[in-house]
Amino acid sequence: MDFNRQISRRLHEEHEATLALWNRFEQAAGARAWPPEAELLRRCAAALAQEVSHHFAFEETELFPRLADAGEGDIAELLAEEHAAIRAAAQAFSAALEAEDWRQLKTSGLELSERLVGHVQKEEMSLLPAIEDLLDEETDAQLALAYAG
């Protein structure tokens, strides 16, 4: 889907990057050589930190209330619940990475990947199209600036 709003495009780009990164993790988890290269794990950890802090917080404070006000509170609530589950899975992943518990890292990473992929798909099918319809150009520009800043 093509998005006209700046904020929708930005979130969509981040979703694509998330899917690509966690696909790489899944491929590494299926390979014989485990653990994978340190660079992949570093990128996963850094992406998680950005995802669960900046991306989720922005959606929760700026987008979900707007959805609720527009009568789309059910989807906002579902996505917020998924954020909580992803945060918990991210903590397990980070703890396993820090402890160099490679077995637990693989397990928690695969769970995290599954949750992230499902969540991204929901946001792509529901959140982003709703944002496209909900936001006017001026509000979109303000939100894009706030997200970038």
N, C-alpha and C. Protein backbone atom coordinates (compact mmCIF):
# COMPACT_ATOMS: atom_id res chain seq x y z
N MET A 1 0.85 -1.18 0.00
CA MET A 1 0.00 0.00 0.00
C MET A 1 0.89 1.24 0.00
N ASP A 2 0.48 2.22 -0.76
CA ASP A 2 1.18 3.50 -0.76
C ASP A 2 0.55 4.40 0.29
N PHE A 3 1.40 5.06 1.04
CA PHE A 3 0.91 5.95 2.09
C PHE A 3 1.19 7.40 1.70
N ASN A 4 0.21 8.25 1.92
CA ASN A 4 0.32 9.66 1.59
C ASN A 4 0.81 10.50 2.76
N ARG A 5 0.56 10.05 3.95
CA ARG A 5 0.94 10.81 5.14
C ARG A 5 2.39 10.51 5.51
N GLN A 6 3.09 11.56 5.94
CA GLN A 6 4.50 11.42 6.30
C GLN A 6 4.70 10.41 7.43
N ILE A 7 3.84 10.49 8.44
CA ILE A 7 4.02 9.63 9.60
C ILE A 7 3.73 8.17 9.23
N SER A 8 2.76 7.95 8.36
CA SER A 8 2.47 6.59 7.92
C SER A 8 3.65 6.02 7.14
N ARG A 9 4.23 6.83 6.26
CA ARG A 9 5.39 6.37 5.49
C ARG A 9 6.57 6.05 6.40
N ARG A 10 6.80 6.90 7.37
CA ARG A 10 7.93 6.69 8.30
C ARG A 10 7.74 5.39 9.09
N LEU A 11 6.55 5.19 9.63
CA LEU A 11 6.28 3.96 10.39
C LEU A 11 6.36 2.74 9.49
N HIS A 12 5.87 2.87 8.27
CA HIS A 12 5.95 1.77 7.31
C HIS A 12 7.40 1.39 7.02
N GLU A 13 8.25 2.39 6.83
CA GLU A 13 9.67 2.13 6.58
C GLU A 13 10.31 1.41 7.77
N GLU A 14 9.94 1.82 8.98
CA GLU A 14 10.47 1.16 10.17
C GLU A 14 9.96 -0.28 10.25
N HIS A 15 8.70 -0.47 9.89
CA HIS A 15 8.14 -1.83 9.88
C HIS A 15 8.92 -2.72 8.91
N GLU A 16 9.20 -2.21 7.73
CA GLU A 16 9.96 -3.00 6.75
C GLU A 16 11.34 -3.36 7.28
N ALA A 17 11.99 -2.41 7.93
CA ALA A 17 13.31 -2.68 8.50
C ALA A 17 13.23 -3.72 9.61
N THR A 18 12.20 -3.64 10.42
CA THR A 18 11.99 -4.62 11.50
C THR A 18 11.81 -6.01 10.92
N LEU A 19 10.96 -6.13 9.92
CA LEU A 19 10.73 -7.44 9.30
C LEU A 19 12.01 -8.01 8.70
N ALA A 20 12.79 -7.18 8.03
CA ALA A 20 14.03 -7.66 7.41
C ALA A 20 15.03 -8.12 8.47
N LEU A 21 15.17 -7.36 9.53
CA LEU A 21 16.13 -7.70 10.57
C LEU A 21 15.74 -9.00 11.28
N TRP A 22 14.48 -9.13 11.65
CA TRP A 22 14.08 -10.33 12.39
C TRP A 22 13.99 -11.54 11.48
N ASN A 23 13.84 -11.33 10.20
CA ASN A 23 13.95 -12.43 9.25
C ASN A 23 15.39 -12.96 9.25
N ARG A 24 16.34 -12.05 9.30
CA ARG A 24 17.75 -12.45 9.39
C ARG A 24 18.01 -13.23 10.67
N PHE A 25 17.40 -12.78 11.78
CA PHE A 25 17.57 -13.50 13.04
C PHE A 25 16.99 -14.91 12.93
N GLU A 26 15.80 -15.04 12.35
CA GLU A 26 15.18 -16.36 12.19
C GLU A 26 16.05 -17.27 11.33
N GLN A 27 16.63 -16.73 10.27
CA GLN A 27 17.52 -17.53 9.43
C GLN A 27 18.74 -17.98 10.23
N ALA A 28 19.29 -17.08 11.03
CA ALA A 28 20.45 -17.43 11.85
C ALA A 28 20.08 -18.50 12.89
N ALA A 29 18.89 -18.39 13.45
CA ALA A 29 18.45 -19.36 14.45
C ALA A 29 18.28 -20.75 13.84
N GLY A 30 17.97 -20.80 12.57
CA GLY A 30 17.81 -22.07 11.88
C GLY A 30 19.10 -22.66 11.34
N ALA A 31 20.16 -21.88 11.39
CA ALA A 31 21.45 -22.35 10.87
C ALA A 31 22.15 -23.21 11.91
N ARG A 32 23.10 -23.98 11.44
CA ARG A 32 23.86 -24.86 12.34
C ARG A 32 24.77 -24.07 13.27
N ALA A 33 25.32 -22.99 12.77
CA ALA A 33 26.24 -22.19 13.58
C ALA A 33 25.45 -21.25 14.49
N TRP A 34 25.46 -21.54 15.75
CA TRP A 34 24.78 -20.70 16.73
C TRP A 34 25.74 -20.46 17.88
N PRO A 35 25.91 -19.29 18.40
CA PRO A 35 25.14 -18.09 18.11
C PRO A 35 25.60 -17.43 16.82
N PRO A 36 24.76 -16.55 16.29
CA PRO A 36 25.13 -15.87 15.05
C PRO A 36 26.20 -14.81 15.32
N GLU A 37 26.61 -14.17 14.26
CA GLU A 37 27.62 -13.13 14.37
C GLU A 37 27.17 -12.06 15.38
N ALA A 38 28.14 -11.53 16.08
CA ALA A 38 27.87 -10.52 17.10
C ALA A 38 27.19 -9.28 16.51
N GLU A 39 27.52 -8.93 15.28
CA GLU A 39 26.93 -7.74 14.64
C GLU A 39 25.42 -7.88 14.50
N LEU A 40 24.93 -9.06 14.13
CA LEU A 40 23.48 -9.27 14.01
C LEU A 40 22.82 -9.10 15.37
N LEU A 41 23.41 -9.67 16.39
CA LEU A 41 22.83 -9.56 17.73
C LEU A 41 22.85 -8.11 18.21
N ARG A 42 23.92 -7.40 17.90
CA ARG A 42 24.00 -5.98 18.28
C ARG A 42 22.91 -5.18 17.58
N ARG A 43 22.70 -5.47 16.29
CA ARG A 43 21.66 -4.75 15.54
C ARG A 43 20.27 -5.07 16.08
N CYS A 44 20.04 -6.32 16.44
CA CYS A 44 18.74 -6.71 17.02
C CYS A 44 18.50 -5.97 18.33
N ALA A 45 19.51 -5.93 19.18
CA ALA A 45 19.37 -5.24 20.47
C ALA A 45 19.13 -3.75 20.28
N ALA A 46 19.85 -3.13 19.37
CA ALA A 46 19.68 -1.69 19.11
C ALA A 46 18.30 -1.40 18.52
N ALA A 47 17.86 -2.24 17.60
CA ALA A 47 16.54 -2.05 17.00
C ALA A 47 15.44 -2.20 18.03
N LEU A 48 15.60 -3.17 18.92
CA LEU A 48 14.62 -3.36 19.98
C LEU A 48 14.52 -2.13 20.88
N ALA A 49 15.67 -1.61 21.24
CA ALA A 49 15.68 -0.43 22.11
C ALA A 49 14.91 0.72 21.46
N GLN A 50 15.12 0.92 20.17
CA GLN A 50 14.41 1.99 19.46
C GLN A 50 12.94 1.67 19.32
N GLU A 51 12.65 0.43 19.00
CA GLU A 51 11.27 0.01 18.75
C GLU A 51 10.41 0.16 20.01
N VAL A 52 10.89 -0.40 21.12
CA VAL A 52 10.04 -0.40 22.31
C VAL A 52 10.07 0.92 23.06
N SER A 53 11.05 1.75 22.80
CA SER A 53 11.03 3.05 23.47
C SER A 53 10.39 4.11 22.59
N HIS A 54 11.03 4.44 21.52
CA HIS A 54 10.56 5.56 20.69
C HIS A 54 9.30 5.23 19.87
N HIS A 55 9.36 4.17 19.10
CA HIS A 55 8.27 3.82 18.19
C HIS A 55 6.98 3.52 18.97
N PHE A 56 7.06 2.62 19.94
CA PHE A 56 5.87 2.25 20.71
C PHE A 56 5.33 3.44 21.51
N ALA A 57 6.23 4.17 22.15
CA ALA A 57 5.80 5.31 22.96
C ALA A 57 5.08 6.36 22.10
N PHE A 58 5.59 6.60 20.92
CA PHE A 58 4.95 7.56 20.03
C PHE A 58 3.54 7.10 19.64
N GLU A 59 3.43 5.84 19.27
CA GLU A 59 2.11 5.32 18.91
C GLU A 59 1.16 5.42 20.09
N GLU A 60 1.63 5.07 21.27
CA GLU A 60 0.77 5.06 22.45
C GLU A 60 0.34 6.45 22.89
N THR A 61 1.22 7.42 22.76
CA THR A 61 0.88 8.77 23.22
C THR A 61 0.23 9.64 22.15
N GLU A 62 0.61 9.44 20.89
CA GLU A 62 0.13 10.32 19.83
C GLU A 62 -0.94 9.70 18.93
N LEU A 63 -0.79 8.43 18.60
CA LEU A 63 -1.69 7.84 17.61
C LEU A 63 -2.87 7.10 18.23
N PHE A 64 -2.63 6.28 19.24
CA PHE A 64 -3.71 5.49 19.82
C PHE A 64 -4.83 6.36 20.40
N PRO A 65 -4.52 7.46 21.11
CA PRO A 65 -5.61 8.33 21.58
C PRO A 65 -6.43 8.93 20.43
N ARG A 66 -5.79 9.26 19.35
CA ARG A 66 -6.51 9.79 18.19
C ARG A 66 -7.43 8.72 17.60
N LEU A 67 -6.93 7.48 17.55
CA LEU A 67 -7.78 6.38 17.08
C LEU A 67 -8.98 6.20 17.99
N ALA A 68 -8.75 6.21 19.28
CA ALA A 68 -9.85 6.04 20.24
C ALA A 68 -10.88 7.15 20.09
N ASP A 69 -10.41 8.38 19.94
CA ASP A 69 -11.32 9.52 19.76
C ASP A 69 -12.14 9.39 18.47
N ALA A 70 -11.59 8.70 17.49
CA ALA A 70 -12.28 8.52 16.21
C ALA A 70 -13.14 7.26 16.19
N GLY A 71 -13.27 6.61 17.34
CA GLY A 71 -14.11 5.42 17.42
C GLY A 71 -13.40 4.12 17.10
N GLU A 72 -12.07 4.17 17.01
CA GLU A 72 -11.26 2.98 16.71
C GLU A 72 -10.48 2.53 17.94
N GLY A 73 -11.09 2.67 19.10
CA GLY A 73 -10.42 2.34 20.35
C GLY A 73 -10.07 0.87 20.49
N ASP A 74 -10.88 -0.01 19.87
CA ASP A 74 -10.60 -1.44 19.99
C ASP A 74 -9.25 -1.81 19.40
N ILE A 75 -8.96 -1.29 18.22
CA ILE A 75 -7.68 -1.62 17.60
C ILE A 75 -6.53 -0.98 18.37
N ALA A 76 -6.73 0.23 18.88
CA ALA A 76 -5.69 0.88 19.68
C ALA A 76 -5.40 0.06 20.94
N GLU A 77 -6.44 -0.44 21.57
CA GLU A 77 -6.28 -1.25 22.78
C GLU A 77 -5.54 -2.55 22.47
N LEU A 78 -5.92 -3.21 21.39
CA LEU A 78 -5.26 -4.45 21.00
C LEU A 78 -3.77 -4.22 20.72
N LEU A 79 -3.46 -3.18 19.99
CA LEU A 79 -2.07 -2.88 19.67
C LEU A 79 -1.27 -2.53 20.93
N ALA A 80 -1.88 -1.82 21.86
CA ALA A 80 -1.22 -1.48 23.12
C ALA A 80 -0.94 -2.75 23.94
N GLU A 81 -1.88 -3.68 23.95
CA GLU A 81 -1.66 -4.96 24.64
C GLU A 81 -0.50 -5.72 24.00
N GLU A 82 -0.42 -5.69 22.69
CA GLU A 82 0.69 -6.34 22.00
C GLU A 82 2.02 -5.65 22.33
N HIS A 83 2.00 -4.34 22.47
CA HIS A 83 3.21 -3.63 22.86
C HIS A 83 3.72 -4.17 24.20
N ALA A 84 2.82 -4.37 25.15
CA ALA A 84 3.22 -4.88 26.46
C ALA A 84 3.84 -6.27 26.34
N ALA A 85 3.25 -7.13 25.54
CA ALA A 85 3.79 -8.48 25.36
C ALA A 85 5.15 -8.44 24.66
N ILE A 86 5.30 -7.55 23.70
CA ILE A 86 6.58 -7.42 22.99
C ILE A 86 7.64 -6.87 23.93
N ARG A 87 7.27 -5.91 24.78
CA ARG A 87 8.24 -5.38 25.75
C ARG A 87 8.75 -6.50 26.66
N ALA A 88 7.85 -7.36 27.13
CA ALA A 88 8.26 -8.47 27.99
C ALA A 88 9.19 -9.43 27.25
N ALA A 89 8.86 -9.73 26.01
CA ALA A 89 9.71 -10.62 25.21
C ALA A 89 11.06 -9.96 24.93
N ALA A 90 11.06 -8.66 24.73
CA ALA A 90 12.31 -7.92 24.49
C ALA A 90 13.19 -7.96 25.73
N GLN A 91 12.59 -7.86 26.91
CA GLN A 91 13.38 -7.94 28.15
C GLN A 91 14.03 -9.31 28.28
N ALA A 92 13.28 -10.38 27.96
CA ALA A 92 13.83 -11.73 28.03
C ALA A 92 14.99 -11.88 27.04
N PHE A 93 14.81 -11.35 25.85
CA PHE A 93 15.86 -11.41 24.83
C PHE A 93 17.11 -10.67 25.31
N SER A 94 16.92 -9.47 25.82
CA SER A 94 18.05 -8.66 26.28
C SER A 94 18.77 -9.32 27.45
N ALA A 95 18.01 -9.91 28.37
CA ALA A 95 18.63 -10.59 29.51
C ALA A 95 19.44 -11.79 29.04
N ALA A 96 18.91 -12.55 28.10
CA ALA A 96 19.64 -13.72 27.58
C ALA A 96 20.90 -13.28 26.84
N LEU A 97 20.80 -12.19 26.11
CA LEU A 97 21.96 -11.67 25.37
C LEU A 97 23.04 -11.22 26.35
N GLU A 98 22.64 -10.49 27.37
CA GLU A 98 23.59 -10.01 28.36
C GLU A 98 24.28 -11.17 29.09
N ALA A 99 23.51 -12.21 29.39
CA ALA A 99 24.06 -13.37 30.10
C ALA A 99 24.79 -14.34 29.17
N GLU A 100 24.73 -14.06 27.88
CA GLU A 100 25.29 -14.95 26.87
C GLU A 100 24.73 -16.36 27.01
N ASP A 101 23.44 -16.42 27.31
CA ASP A 101 22.71 -17.68 27.39
C ASP A 101 22.16 -17.96 26.00
N TRP A 102 22.97 -18.61 25.18
CA TRP A 102 22.67 -18.75 23.77
C TRP A 102 21.40 -19.56 23.52
N ARG A 103 21.16 -20.56 24.33
CA ARG A 103 19.94 -21.36 24.16
C ARG A 103 18.69 -20.51 24.42
N GLN A 104 18.71 -19.78 25.53
CA GLN A 104 17.57 -18.92 25.86
C GLN A 104 17.45 -17.78 24.86
N LEU A 105 18.57 -17.29 24.38
CA LEU A 105 18.54 -16.21 23.39
C LEU A 105 17.82 -16.66 22.12
N LYS A 106 18.11 -17.86 21.69
CA LYS A 106 17.45 -18.39 20.49
C LYS A 106 15.95 -18.51 20.73
N THR A 107 15.56 -19.08 21.87
CA THR A 107 14.15 -19.26 22.19
C THR A 107 13.43 -17.92 22.30
N SER A 108 14.00 -17.01 23.08
CA SER A 108 13.34 -15.72 23.28
C SER A 108 13.36 -14.89 22.00
N GLY A 109 14.43 -15.02 21.22
CA GLY A 109 14.50 -14.29 19.96
C GLY A 109 13.46 -14.76 18.96
N LEU A 110 13.25 -16.06 18.89
CA LEU A 110 12.22 -16.58 17.97
C LEU A 110 10.82 -16.16 18.42
N GLU A 111 10.58 -16.18 19.73
CA GLU A 111 9.28 -15.70 20.23
C GLU A 111 9.10 -14.22 19.91
N LEU A 112 10.12 -13.47 20.15
CA LEU A 112 10.07 -12.03 19.88
C LEU A 112 9.83 -11.76 18.40
N SER A 113 10.52 -12.48 17.56
CA SER A 113 10.35 -12.32 16.13
C SER A 113 8.91 -12.61 15.72
N GLU A 114 8.36 -13.69 16.24
CA GLU A 114 6.97 -14.04 15.91
C GLU A 114 6.01 -12.94 16.35
N ARG A 115 6.22 -12.43 17.55
CA ARG A 115 5.34 -11.35 18.05
C ARG A 115 5.49 -10.08 17.21
N LEU A 116 6.72 -9.72 16.89
CA LEU A 116 6.95 -8.52 16.10
C LEU A 116 6.35 -8.62 14.70
N VAL A 117 6.53 -9.75 14.05
CA VAL A 117 6.00 -9.93 12.70
C VAL A 117 4.48 -9.82 12.71
N GLY A 118 3.83 -10.50 13.64
CA GLY A 118 2.37 -10.42 13.74
C GLY A 118 1.89 -9.01 14.03
N HIS A 119 2.61 -8.35 14.91
CA HIS A 119 2.24 -6.98 15.29
C HIS A 119 2.39 -6.02 14.10
N VAL A 120 3.50 -6.13 13.41
CA VAL A 120 3.72 -5.28 12.24
C VAL A 120 2.61 -5.50 11.21
N GLN A 121 2.24 -6.73 10.98
CA GLN A 121 1.17 -7.02 10.03
C GLN A 121 -0.14 -6.36 10.44
N LYS A 122 -0.47 -6.40 11.71
CA LYS A 122 -1.69 -5.74 12.19
C LYS A 122 -1.62 -4.23 11.98
N GLU A 123 -0.46 -3.66 12.31
CA GLU A 123 -0.33 -2.22 12.14
C GLU A 123 -0.41 -1.81 10.68
N GLU A 124 0.19 -2.61 9.82
CA GLU A 124 0.14 -2.31 8.38
C GLU A 124 -1.29 -2.40 7.83
N MET A 125 -2.07 -3.32 8.35
CA MET A 125 -3.43 -3.51 7.84
C MET A 125 -4.47 -2.63 8.53
N SER A 126 -4.19 -2.18 9.75
CA SER A 126 -5.21 -1.42 10.46
C SER A 126 -4.77 -0.03 10.89
N LEU A 127 -3.64 0.06 11.59
CA LEU A 127 -3.21 1.35 12.12
C LEU A 127 -2.87 2.34 11.01
N LEU A 128 -1.99 1.95 10.11
CA LEU A 128 -1.54 2.90 9.09
C LEU A 128 -2.67 3.37 8.17
N PRO A 129 -3.54 2.48 7.69
CA PRO A 129 -4.67 2.98 6.88
C PRO A 129 -5.60 3.91 7.68
N ALA A 130 -5.78 3.61 8.96
CA ALA A 130 -6.63 4.48 9.78
C ALA A 130 -6.00 5.85 9.94
N ILE A 131 -4.69 5.88 10.13
CA ILE A 131 -3.97 7.15 10.25
C ILE A 131 -4.09 7.96 8.97
N GLU A 132 -4.00 7.28 7.85
CA GLU A 132 -4.15 7.95 6.55
C GLU A 132 -5.48 8.70 6.48
N ASP A 133 -6.54 8.05 6.95
CA ASP A 133 -7.88 8.65 6.89
C ASP A 133 -8.10 9.70 7.97
N LEU A 134 -7.44 9.52 9.08
CA LEU A 134 -7.71 10.34 10.26
C LEU A 134 -7.00 11.69 10.26
N LEU A 135 -5.76 11.70 9.78
CA LEU A 135 -4.94 12.90 9.90
C LEU A 135 -5.11 13.84 8.72
N ASP A 136 -5.13 15.14 9.03
CA ASP A 136 -5.06 16.12 7.96
C ASP A 136 -3.58 16.44 7.73
N GLU A 137 -3.30 17.19 6.71
CA GLU A 137 -1.92 17.47 6.31
C GLU A 137 -1.14 18.19 7.41
N GLU A 138 -1.77 19.16 8.05
CA GLU A 138 -1.09 19.93 9.08
C GLU A 138 -0.75 19.07 10.31
N THR A 139 -1.71 18.28 10.75
CA THR A 139 -1.46 17.39 11.89
C THR A 139 -0.39 16.37 11.55
N ASP A 140 -0.46 15.83 10.34
CA ASP A 140 0.55 14.88 9.89
C ASP A 140 1.94 15.50 9.95
N ALA A 141 2.09 16.71 9.47
CA ALA A 141 3.38 17.39 9.47
C ALA A 141 3.87 17.60 10.91
N GLN A 142 2.97 17.99 11.81
CA GLN A 142 3.34 18.18 13.21
C GLN A 142 3.80 16.87 13.85
N LEU A 143 3.07 15.80 13.57
CA LEU A 143 3.42 14.51 14.13
C LEU A 143 4.75 13.99 13.57
N ALA A 144 4.96 14.19 12.28
CA ALA A 144 6.21 13.76 11.67
C ALA A 144 7.39 14.50 12.27
N LEU A 145 7.22 15.77 12.51
CA LEU A 145 8.27 16.57 13.13
C LEU A 145 8.52 16.11 14.56
N ALA A 146 7.45 15.87 15.31
CA ALA A 146 7.58 15.39 16.69
C ALA A 146 8.26 14.03 16.73
N TYR A 147 7.93 13.17 15.81
CA TYR A 147 8.52 11.82 15.78
C TYR A 147 10.01 11.89 15.44
N ALA A 148 10.37 12.76 14.54
CA ALA A 148 11.76 12.90 14.15
C ALA A 148 12.61 13.55 15.23
N GLY A 149 11.96 14.39 16.03
CA GLY A 149 12.69 15.19 17.02
C GLY A 149 12.95 14.49 18.27
